[in-house]
Amino acid sequence: MQEELSGPELVALVRRVFQPRPDETAMAILVDLPDVRVPDDAPWAARRAIAEAWTQELRAHRADLGLDTDLVVYPNVHTNNGDLPERAWVHRGGPLPSADSLDPAASLALADLYATHPILLALTKFSATAPLKLAAKRHPIRAATMPGFRADMIPALRLDYTEVNRRVHLLKNLLDQAEGADFRFDTPGGPCGLHLDLRHRPGHASGGLLTEPGMAGNLPSGEAYIVPYEGALPGDPSRTEGVMPVQFGDEVVRYRIAGNRALEVLSEGPRSRDEAALLAREPAYGNLAELGLGVLSAFGLKPIGEILLDEKLGLHLAFGRSDHFGGQVGPAQFSGPGAVIHIDRVYVPETQPDVKVLAVDLQFPDGGRLALMRDGEYVVGF
């Protein structure tokens, strides 16, 4: 039987995550629409159906929630974390349109939507996390982004997010204090070592509570994260270097990292050649954009093949765009809007069985070190 959230559960979720204020009167559920370039698929259609059902349930429980709920659509942007269109459409009922059939005269500016709908849920195919994080710095909104959401993620929405938030903030505080992180991996091609430069950067907490204007983050949530230092300060290059392994199917690709960038691929194989070509074509793709520390595996959750949930389970490292997290790499560093990407690689046994995380240690300015993970498990006390 497919998991579903009841109307009262949805009301409780919105209250818990956003804590709506007395002067707030409306929220929006956002979906992106297929087009000729990116045609529809079954998971995407199911996600839009979930968004429609949630909109109807929240409208039916408007008296309990205290907010009007609108379903808002926009053309998909063809890539994860690409900039959103400037305009969107409030769906007034009936079948959802395709992106190619939208009437420009019926649209509204996203800035106007933000002014009237300060609470946003984005159930999209392509992640809207980066643009909504940046929008939240300019507008008094808070947004929960749910790219790739599926019904089998619903149990993660029922977790005790007070405890999730506590664990996330403990890890965030450690990242705040650390100036580096050292990784030891074991792969079929031999061991790999990687050092991430964490100087000059704060940690961030995404614990599933978005209670203040200016906040945007994933839901389900449960991670602390930080952008490695990218070398932006004059005379102070990034110290990030080493070899980063990532498993694609049966092949483990090994990237040579220096100056916080993947500069070349050391491994051999079809995917290694593809990744080398991508780095040559889009150097910004090779930017080490995030060290993420998820906590949800401790609550009994397992990966399901969707980054939205899987990255919250444990260790993950990301390539690409970082400006939405406070880094230096954004759309201007890519060849075009369709090439902009932020992509996470999740290091749990189910997602990368041939890449073993032997150790993760944090390094502090006084020379001290802290064992954070051993054999893929946290050893720091929660």
Protein backbone atom coordinates (compact mmCIF):
# COMPACT_ATOMS: atom_id res chain seq x y z
CA MET A 1 0.00 0.00 0.00
CA GLN A 2 1.36 3.42 -0.96
CA GLU A 3 2.22 5.76 1.91
CA GLU A 4 0.07 8.87 2.20
CA LEU A 5 -0.09 11.84 4.54
CA SER A 6 -3.54 12.63 5.88
CA GLY A 7 -4.86 16.17 6.08
CA PRO A 8 -4.13 16.45 9.82
CA GLU A 9 -0.62 15.05 9.25
CA LEU A 10 0.02 17.66 6.56
CA VAL A 11 -1.20 20.44 8.82
CA ALA A 12 1.08 19.16 11.58
CA LEU A 13 4.01 18.96 9.13
CA VAL A 14 3.59 22.57 7.98
CA ARG A 15 3.24 23.77 11.56
CA ARG A 16 6.29 21.82 12.71
CA VAL A 17 8.57 22.79 9.85
CA PHE A 18 7.56 26.42 9.33
CA GLN A 19 5.76 27.54 12.49
CA PRO A 20 3.47 29.93 10.55
CA ARG A 21 3.04 33.42 11.99
CA PRO A 22 -0.26 35.17 12.70
CA ASP A 23 0.27 37.70 9.90
CA GLU A 24 0.94 35.03 7.25
CA THR A 25 -2.08 34.15 5.14
CA ALA A 26 -0.93 31.90 2.29
CA MET A 27 1.54 29.21 1.26
CA ALA A 28 2.43 27.79 -2.14
CA ILE A 29 3.25 24.29 -3.34
CA LEU A 30 5.55 24.54 -6.37
CA VAL A 31 5.90 22.03 -9.20
CA ASP A 32 7.93 22.17 -12.41
CA LEU A 33 6.39 21.04 -15.69
CA PRO A 34 7.67 18.79 -18.49
CA ASP A 35 8.35 20.19 -21.94
CA VAL A 36 9.58 19.03 -25.33
CA ARG A 37 13.20 19.04 -24.19
CA VAL A 38 12.53 17.12 -20.96
CA PRO A 39 9.43 14.95 -21.45
CA ASP A 40 7.35 13.59 -18.62
CA ASP A 41 8.10 10.36 -16.76
CA ALA A 42 6.17 8.27 -14.24
CA PRO A 43 7.95 9.45 -11.04
CA TRP A 44 7.58 13.08 -12.10
CA ALA A 45 3.87 12.64 -12.84
CA ALA A 46 3.41 10.91 -9.48
CA ARG A 47 5.18 13.79 -7.72
CA ARG A 48 2.86 16.33 -9.33
CA ALA A 49 -0.09 14.18 -8.28
CA ILE A 50 1.21 14.25 -4.69
CA ALA A 51 1.48 18.04 -4.91
CA GLU A 52 -2.10 18.29 -6.17
CA ALA A 53 -3.37 15.97 -3.42
CA TRP A 54 -1.50 17.88 -0.71
CA THR A 55 -2.90 21.16 -2.02
CA GLN A 56 -6.43 19.80 -1.86
CA GLU A 57 -5.94 18.36 1.65
CA LEU A 58 -4.48 21.59 3.00
CA ARG A 59 -7.30 23.59 1.43
CA ALA A 60 -9.80 21.23 3.06
CA HIS A 61 -8.10 21.87 6.42
CA ARG A 62 -7.67 25.60 5.93
CA ALA A 63 -9.49 26.35 9.20
CA ASP A 64 -6.98 24.23 11.14
CA LEU A 65 -3.88 25.52 9.34
CA GLY A 66 -4.85 29.18 9.07
CA LEU A 67 -3.33 29.50 5.58
CA ASP A 68 -4.65 29.46 2.04
CA THR A 69 -2.76 26.97 -0.14
CA ASP A 70 -2.07 27.54 -3.85
CA LEU A 71 -0.54 25.15 -6.36
CA VAL A 72 1.99 27.08 -8.46
CA VAL A 73 3.58 25.75 -11.65
CA TYR A 74 6.56 26.81 -13.75
CA PRO A 75 8.51 25.42 -16.75
CA ASN A 76 11.28 23.06 -15.67
CA VAL A 77 14.80 24.52 -15.90
CA HIS A 78 16.41 21.36 -17.38
CA THR A 79 19.05 20.95 -14.66
CA ASN A 80 19.36 20.60 -10.91
CA ASN A 81 19.83 23.92 -9.09
CA GLY A 82 19.61 26.05 -12.20
CA ASP A 83 18.08 29.51 -11.85
CA LEU A 84 14.28 29.54 -11.79
CA PRO A 85 12.22 31.33 -14.45
CA GLU A 86 11.26 34.87 -13.59
CA ARG A 87 7.54 34.06 -13.77
CA ALA A 88 5.18 31.32 -12.56
CA TRP A 89 1.50 30.40 -12.80
CA VAL A 90 -1.08 29.80 -10.06
CA HIS A 91 -3.04 26.70 -11.09
CA ARG A 92 -6.74 27.39 -10.76
CA GLY A 93 -7.98 23.83 -11.25
CA GLY A 94 -8.39 21.13 -13.84
CA PRO A 95 -5.60 19.07 -15.44
CA LEU A 96 -2.11 20.48 -15.05
CA PRO A 97 -0.78 22.07 -18.26
CA SER A 98 2.51 21.29 -19.98
CA ALA A 99 5.22 23.92 -19.93
CA ASP A 100 4.68 24.56 -23.65
CA SER A 101 1.00 25.48 -23.19
CA LEU A 102 1.34 28.10 -20.44
CA ASP A 103 -0.25 31.48 -21.19
CA PRO A 104 2.27 34.30 -20.52
CA ALA A 105 -0.58 36.72 -19.85
CA ALA A 106 -1.73 34.62 -16.88
CA SER A 107 1.66 34.51 -15.17
CA LEU A 108 2.96 36.39 -12.15
CA ALA A 109 6.46 37.39 -11.21
CA LEU A 110 8.15 35.10 -8.71
CA ALA A 111 8.98 38.19 -6.66
CA ASP A 112 5.24 38.87 -6.36
CA LEU A 113 4.60 35.26 -5.36
CA TYR A 114 7.24 35.54 -2.62
CA ALA A 115 5.54 38.68 -1.31
CA THR A 116 2.17 36.97 -0.88
CA HIS A 117 3.22 33.37 -0.17
CA PRO A 118 6.06 33.44 2.36
CA ILE A 119 5.93 29.65 2.91
CA LEU A 120 6.90 27.42 -0.02
CA LEU A 121 7.03 23.66 -0.61
CA ALA A 122 8.80 22.75 -3.87
CA LEU A 123 7.97 19.21 -5.09
CA THR A 124 9.97 19.33 -8.30
CA LYS A 125 11.89 17.12 -10.70
CA PHE A 126 14.88 19.45 -10.83
CA SER A 127 16.18 20.76 -7.53
CA ALA A 128 15.20 24.34 -6.72
CA THR A 129 17.33 24.44 -3.58
CA ALA A 130 20.06 26.76 -4.88
CA PRO A 131 17.80 29.44 -6.39
CA LEU A 132 15.39 29.38 -3.45
CA LYS A 133 18.26 29.70 -0.97
CA LEU A 134 19.42 32.76 -2.87
CA ALA A 135 15.85 34.12 -3.12
CA ALA A 136 15.46 33.69 0.65
CA LYS A 137 18.34 36.14 1.12
CA ARG A 138 16.40 38.81 -0.80
CA HIS A 139 12.81 38.04 0.17
CA PRO A 140 11.22 37.18 3.56
CA ILE A 141 10.38 33.61 2.55
CA ARG A 142 11.18 30.17 3.88
CA ALA A 143 11.16 27.25 1.53
CA ALA A 144 11.30 23.47 1.86
CA THR A 145 12.68 21.94 -1.33
CA MET A 146 11.73 18.36 -2.21
CA PRO A 147 13.35 17.46 -5.56
CA GLY A 148 12.74 13.88 -6.55
CA PHE A 149 10.26 13.36 -3.70
CA ARG A 150 8.45 10.02 -3.73
CA ALA A 151 5.74 8.47 -1.62
CA ASP A 152 8.25 6.05 -0.07
CA MET A 153 9.97 9.07 1.56
CA ILE A 154 6.90 9.86 3.64
CA PRO A 155 8.18 7.93 6.70
CA ALA A 156 11.08 10.40 6.82
CA LEU A 157 8.56 13.24 7.23
CA ARG A 158 7.24 11.62 10.42
CA LEU A 159 10.59 11.60 12.27
CA ASP A 160 11.29 13.39 15.54
CA TYR A 161 12.89 16.46 13.96
CA THR A 162 13.70 17.95 17.34
CA GLU A 163 16.20 15.10 17.82
CA VAL A 164 17.31 15.25 14.17
CA ASN A 165 17.93 18.98 14.59
CA ARG A 166 19.96 18.41 17.78
CA ARG A 167 22.30 15.96 16.07
CA VAL A 168 22.66 18.16 13.02
CA HIS A 169 23.62 21.17 15.12
CA LEU A 170 26.24 19.15 17.00
CA LEU A 171 27.90 18.29 13.68
CA LYS A 172 27.49 21.85 12.42
CA ASN A 173 29.34 23.17 15.46
CA LEU A 174 32.22 20.76 14.81
CA LEU A 175 32.44 21.95 11.20
CA ASP A 176 32.49 25.55 12.42
CA GLN A 177 35.55 24.81 14.54
CA ALA A 178 37.45 22.60 12.08
CA GLU A 179 39.94 23.91 9.53
CA GLY A 180 40.23 20.66 7.61
CA ALA A 181 38.84 17.18 7.08
CA ASP A 182 40.90 14.11 6.12
CA PHE A 183 39.34 11.09 4.39
CA ARG A 184 40.69 7.58 3.88
CA PHE A 185 38.87 5.42 1.34
CA ASP A 186 39.46 1.85 0.22
CA THR A 187 38.55 0.89 -3.36
CA PRO A 188 39.23 -2.09 -5.65
CA GLY A 189 41.90 0.03 -7.33
CA GLY A 190 43.66 0.77 -4.05
CA PRO A 191 43.39 3.26 -1.19
CA CYS A 192 42.55 6.93 -1.73
CA GLY A 193 43.23 9.88 0.53
CA LEU A 194 41.58 13.29 0.38
CA HIS A 195 42.01 16.49 2.40
CA LEU A 196 39.30 19.16 2.38
CA ASP A 197 40.21 22.72 3.34
CA LEU A 198 37.48 23.98 5.70
CA ARG A 199 39.11 27.30 6.59
CA HIS A 200 37.25 30.61 6.17
CA ARG A 201 33.87 28.91 5.93
CA PRO A 202 31.01 28.36 8.41
CA GLY A 203 29.10 25.15 8.82
CA HIS A 204 25.37 25.01 8.07
CA ALA A 205 22.57 23.06 9.70
CA SER A 206 19.63 21.59 7.81
CA GLY A 207 17.65 19.90 10.52
CA GLY A 208 14.17 20.08 9.03
CA LEU A 209 13.04 23.22 10.88
CA LEU A 210 12.59 26.37 8.74
CA THR A 211 11.11 28.75 11.24
CA GLU A 212 12.68 32.09 10.33
CA PRO A 213 12.32 34.20 7.16
CA GLY A 214 15.35 33.83 4.92
CA MET A 215 15.66 30.06 5.35
CA ALA A 216 15.48 27.42 2.63
CA GLY A 217 16.49 23.77 2.72
CA ASN A 218 15.56 20.22 1.87
CA LEU A 219 12.70 18.23 3.30
CA PRO A 220 13.14 15.46 4.36
CA SER A 221 16.19 16.88 6.05
CA GLY A 222 18.90 15.91 8.48
CA GLU A 223 22.41 17.05 7.59
CA ALA A 224 25.16 19.46 8.54
CA TYR A 225 27.19 20.74 5.62
CA ILE A 226 29.99 23.11 4.67
CA VAL A 227 31.52 24.45 1.45
CA PRO A 228 35.25 23.72 1.32
CA TYR A 229 37.39 26.83 0.90
CA GLU A 230 37.74 27.49 -2.83
CA GLY A 231 40.78 29.78 -2.70
CA ALA A 232 39.04 33.11 -3.15
CA LEU A 233 41.34 35.14 -0.87
CA PRO A 234 44.40 36.70 -2.55
CA GLY A 235 47.58 34.84 -1.75
CA ASP A 236 45.75 32.07 0.09
CA PRO A 237 45.06 29.12 -2.23
CA SER A 238 42.79 26.26 -1.26
CA ARG A 239 44.54 23.33 0.41
CA THR A 240 41.97 20.80 -0.78
CA GLU A 241 43.81 17.99 -2.55
CA GLY A 242 44.02 14.25 -2.98
CA VAL A 243 42.06 11.54 -4.77
CA MET A 244 38.28 11.27 -4.56
CA PRO A 245 36.62 7.98 -5.58
CA VAL A 246 33.03 7.76 -6.81
CA GLN A 247 31.31 4.53 -7.85
CA PHE A 248 29.10 4.53 -10.97
CA GLY A 249 27.57 1.10 -11.49
CA ASP A 250 30.46 -1.39 -11.44
CA GLU A 251 33.11 1.25 -12.12
CA VAL A 252 34.92 3.36 -9.53
CA VAL A 253 36.03 6.69 -10.99
CA ARG A 254 39.01 8.29 -9.26
CA TYR A 255 39.40 12.06 -9.57
CA ARG A 256 42.67 13.88 -8.89
CA ILE A 257 41.84 16.91 -6.75
CA ALA A 258 44.01 20.01 -6.32
CA GLY A 259 43.08 23.55 -5.34
CA ASN A 260 39.55 22.31 -4.54
CA ARG A 261 38.97 21.19 -8.14
CA ALA A 262 38.85 17.81 -9.84
CA LEU A 263 41.49 18.36 -12.51
CA GLU A 264 41.68 14.95 -14.13
CA VAL A 265 40.45 11.37 -13.94
CA LEU A 266 43.04 8.78 -12.96
CA SER A 267 40.96 5.66 -13.53
CA GLU A 268 40.15 3.82 -16.77
CA GLY A 269 36.78 2.76 -18.11
CA PRO A 270 33.74 4.07 -20.00
CA ARG A 271 32.44 6.22 -17.13
CA SER A 272 35.94 7.49 -16.36
CA ARG A 273 36.24 8.70 -19.95
CA ASP A 274 32.81 10.35 -19.75
CA GLU A 275 33.72 12.12 -16.51
CA ALA A 276 37.07 13.28 -17.93
CA ALA A 277 35.26 14.74 -20.94
CA LEU A 278 32.77 16.49 -18.66
CA LEU A 279 35.56 18.05 -16.60
CA ALA A 280 37.23 19.29 -19.79
CA ARG A 281 33.94 20.72 -21.06
CA GLU A 282 32.71 22.15 -17.74
CA PRO A 283 35.60 22.85 -15.34
CA ALA A 284 33.15 24.27 -12.77
CA TYR A 285 31.57 20.82 -12.51
CA GLY A 286 34.76 19.68 -10.77
CA ASN A 287 34.50 22.22 -7.96
CA LEU A 288 34.31 20.53 -4.54
CA ALA A 289 31.11 22.25 -3.49
CA GLU A 290 30.05 20.53 -0.28
CA LEU A 291 30.98 18.23 2.54
CA GLY A 292 27.72 16.91 3.95
CA LEU A 293 27.12 14.86 7.08
CA GLY A 294 23.68 13.22 7.18
CA VAL A 295 22.20 11.64 10.30
CA LEU A 296 19.04 9.82 9.23
CA SER A 297 20.49 6.31 8.98
CA ALA A 298 20.48 6.28 12.79
CA PHE A 299 16.66 6.52 12.61
CA GLY A 300 16.39 3.30 10.61
CA LEU A 301 16.05 4.81 7.13
CA LYS A 302 17.68 3.20 4.09
CA PRO A 303 18.57 4.64 0.67
CA ILE A 304 15.90 4.50 -2.00
CA GLY A 305 17.85 5.79 -5.00
CA GLU A 306 16.86 9.45 -4.67
CA ILE A 307 19.43 12.02 -3.57
CA LEU A 308 16.86 14.04 -1.61
CA LEU A 309 16.68 11.28 0.99
CA ASP A 310 19.86 9.30 0.40
CA GLU A 311 22.27 12.19 1.09
CA LYS A 312 20.66 12.71 4.52
CA LEU A 313 21.67 9.20 5.61
CA GLY A 314 25.41 9.80 6.02
CA LEU A 315 28.55 11.18 4.40
CA HIS A 316 28.27 12.88 1.02
CA LEU A 317 30.53 15.05 -1.13
CA ALA A 318 29.30 17.27 -3.95
CA PHE A 319 30.65 18.70 -7.19
CA GLY A 320 29.57 21.92 -8.90
CA ARG A 321 27.64 24.96 -7.79
CA SER A 322 28.34 26.32 -4.31
CA ASP A 323 27.13 29.93 -4.23
CA HIS A 324 23.82 28.95 -2.63
CA PHE A 325 25.81 27.61 0.35
CA GLY A 326 28.07 30.65 0.60
CA GLY A 327 30.72 29.54 -1.90
CA GLN A 328 32.14 31.17 -5.02
CA VAL A 329 30.94 28.99 -7.90
CA GLY A 330 27.61 29.86 -9.50
CA PRO A 331 25.91 29.98 -12.91
CA ALA A 332 28.46 32.45 -14.31
CA GLN A 333 31.20 29.83 -14.01
CA PHE A 334 29.35 27.34 -16.24
CA SER A 335 29.00 27.41 -20.01
CA GLY A 336 25.27 28.12 -19.88
CA PRO A 337 22.15 27.81 -17.70
CA GLY A 338 21.54 24.22 -18.73
CA ALA A 339 25.01 23.18 -17.57
CA VAL A 340 24.66 24.49 -14.00
CA ILE A 341 24.71 21.62 -11.54
CA HIS A 342 25.23 20.69 -7.90
CA ILE A 343 25.49 16.91 -7.64
CA ASP A 344 25.97 14.90 -4.44
CA ARG A 345 27.86 11.61 -4.16
CA VAL A 346 26.60 9.57 -1.21
CA TYR A 347 29.01 7.31 0.68
CA VAL A 348 26.86 4.64 2.28
CA PRO A 349 27.29 0.91 1.52
CA GLU A 350 24.09 0.58 -0.47
CA THR A 351 24.98 3.43 -2.87
CA GLN A 352 28.73 2.82 -3.28
CA PRO A 353 29.44 -0.74 -2.11
CA ASP A 354 32.97 -0.82 -3.57
CA VAL A 355 34.06 2.43 -1.91
CA LYS A 356 34.73 1.94 1.79
CA VAL A 357 34.96 4.99 4.06
CA LEU A 358 37.69 3.83 6.39
CA ALA A 359 38.11 7.08 8.31
CA VAL A 360 37.07 10.73 8.47
CA ASP A 361 39.02 12.97 10.86
CA LEU A 362 38.53 16.66 11.58
CA GLN A 363 41.59 18.87 11.99
CA PHE A 364 41.50 21.98 14.23
CA PRO A 365 43.56 25.18 14.23
CA ASP A 366 45.42 24.21 17.43
CA GLY A 367 46.68 21.03 15.79
CA GLY A 368 44.14 18.81 17.49
CA ARG A 369 42.25 16.09 15.64
CA LEU A 370 38.89 14.42 16.17
CA ALA A 371 37.84 11.02 14.86
CA LEU A 372 34.48 11.67 13.21
CA MET A 373 33.84 8.39 11.32
CA ARG A 374 35.31 4.91 11.26
CA ASP A 375 34.26 2.23 8.77
CA GLY A 376 31.42 4.43 7.53
CA GLU A 377 29.88 5.00 10.97
CA TYR A 378 30.00 8.06 13.22
CA VAL A 379 32.18 7.59 16.28
CA VAL A 380 31.61 11.08 17.65
CA GLY A 381 29.15 10.94 20.53
CA PHE A 382 25.63 12.18 19.91
